[in-house]
Amino acid sequence: MPPAPDRLPNADGVTATPSDAAGSPQRAAEALMLTCPNCSTRLEERKCKLFCPRPGCGYFLSCADFY
């Protein structure tokens, strides 16, 4: 019997629901957006800016850079 349409096997044969597949790339993109490109530390938010809390790094992203 074929799998139900809401349960689809991926290339590895692991069965996942469409919601699993849709949520994973978004979480990965959010994590990437909150990672410092200089030192890989998680960025912190202050008002509309993201900044690296690691001393000496100095990386920041202002809200104007998002658009």
Protein backbone atom coordinates (compact mmCIF):
# COMPACT_ATOMS: atom_id res chain seq x y z
CA MET A 1 0.00 0.00 0.00
CA PRO A 2 1.46 3.47 -0.90
CA PRO A 3 2.12 5.97 1.91
CA ALA A 4 -0.59 8.44 2.82
CA PRO A 5 -0.21 11.82 1.03
CA ASP A 6 0.59 13.55 4.32
CA ARG A 7 3.46 11.09 5.08
CA LEU A 8 6.12 11.14 2.36
CA PRO A 9 9.48 9.31 2.48
CA ASN A 10 12.52 11.46 1.69
CA ALA A 11 15.64 10.35 -0.23
CA ASP A 12 16.97 8.55 2.87
CA GLY A 13 13.74 6.60 3.27
CA VAL A 14 12.76 8.53 6.41
CA THR A 15 9.09 9.40 6.53
CA ALA A 16 8.33 13.03 7.27
CA THR A 17 5.22 15.17 7.18
CA PRO A 18 5.07 18.21 4.88
CA SER A 19 5.06 20.47 7.93
CA ASP A 20 8.40 18.95 9.05
CA ALA A 21 9.95 19.68 5.69
CA ALA A 22 8.56 23.22 5.57
CA GLY A 23 9.71 24.22 9.06
CA SER A 24 13.27 22.98 8.91
CA PRO A 25 14.68 25.34 6.22
CA GLN A 26 13.07 28.33 7.91
CA ARG A 27 14.69 27.50 11.25
CA ALA A 28 18.04 27.04 9.51
CA ALA A 29 17.70 30.43 7.79
CA GLU A 30 16.81 32.13 11.08
CA ALA A 31 19.81 30.57 12.82
CA LEU A 32 22.08 31.66 9.98
CA MET A 33 20.72 35.21 10.11
CA LEU A 34 21.52 35.39 13.86
CA THR A 35 25.12 34.17 13.49
CA CYS A 36 28.04 36.61 13.32
CA PRO A 37 29.79 36.27 9.94
CA ASN A 38 33.12 37.28 11.54
CA CYS A 39 33.36 34.93 14.53
CA SER A 40 30.27 32.63 14.42
CA THR A 41 28.95 33.90 17.77
CA ARG A 42 25.17 34.20 18.13
CA LEU A 43 24.13 37.82 17.49
CA GLU A 44 22.07 39.71 20.05
CA GLU A 45 19.25 42.16 19.36
CA ARG A 46 19.12 45.74 20.59
CA LYS A 47 16.23 47.83 19.27
CA CYS A 48 16.42 47.35 15.49
CA LYS A 49 20.06 46.27 15.41
CA LEU A 50 21.83 42.95 15.65
CA PHE A 51 25.28 43.03 17.21
CA CYS A 52 27.99 40.59 18.18
CA PRO A 53 28.48 40.43 21.97
CA ARG A 54 31.99 39.00 21.66
CA PRO A 55 34.58 41.55 22.84
CA GLY A 56 36.78 42.76 20.03
CA CYS A 57 34.56 41.57 17.18
CA GLY A 58 32.51 44.74 16.68
CA TYR A 59 30.14 43.35 14.03
CA PHE A 60 26.66 44.88 13.85
CA LEU A 61 23.78 44.95 11.41
CA SER A 62 21.40 47.91 11.47
CA CYS A 63 17.74 47.77 10.54
CA ALA A 64 18.52 49.63 7.30
CA ASP A 65 20.70 46.67 6.23
CA PHE A 66 17.72 44.29 6.38
CA TYR A 67 15.96 45.97 3.45
